[in-house]
Amino acid sequence: MTREEGAKPNMNKRHIWLVAVVWLLVFGAVASGCGSQADGKPPASPPAIGNDRTDPPAGGPAGDDKPEPAGTEGKADDQRKDLSISSQDESAAGAETAGSRKDVPAEVPSYNVIEPFDTTRPTLMGFSVGDSVEAVVARFGKPSAESSMNDGQPLTVLEYPGFRFGADETGKLVFIEVLTDQVTPGLNQFRIGQTVEEAQKALGPADSLNEYVMIYDFGGVVLKCDLNPNDNTVIAIRLFDA
């Protein structure tokens, strides 16, 4: 056997060995890949490059800010407007209520005098000659009008509905006069419009009487009743100093 013929079997063995090694490597690589997939582990991803990274929005971690549903902002504005209008309406209502209270007139004082008539201190509308204007205003309130007259001296006249008071410069009453049947003047329930007979029943017999006038004299203070001669009724009453 030649040298070349003896070397061929050795080369064949080396060739078979190399092929076996290659197949083992291939088989190992395939087996490794299958094992990784079987374990559920995906192949490693290459690292992100450049601007592929996603940053959370400003103001906090991603997911903290929840966007408002569509139309919520508009509804909030409408609610604020409604509250503002409601507050203005309530203020206006309060102002209107306060104004209404101011418009309510004060209670009108009663002008009827129910005190019994006293012949020792004769009065008309609850006051006598010499009483003060301040006392009149305290009882009946501010007069509806004031005027001036001269009846032998300057007088201030305080006008009330259907009656009046004359006062001198010192504020003392000089006369009291009643001209209406709408008040009870304090003559034991006698009032204007009633007859002479009814007057004398309430006040006693008159000191002087004719078809035009009836007079009571109470020691310097005179109560004078003007009469209607047609029906003998009283049409005016005046108290003054004789």
Foldseek 3Di string as FASTA:
>chain_A
DDPVVVCVVVVVVVVVVVVVVVVVVVVVVVVVVVVCVVVVHDDDDDDDDDPPDDDADPDDGHPPDDDDPPPPVVVVVVVVVVVVVVVVVVVVVVVVVVVVVVVDDDDFAAQADAAAADLLAGDWSPDAFFDFPVVVCVRGNQAPDWDWDCDVAIWIWGHHVQWIFTAHPVRTTFKIKGQDQPYHTNQQRDGFPAAPVVSCVSHNAFPDDDLAWTWHDSPQKIWIFGADSVVRTTRMIMIGGD
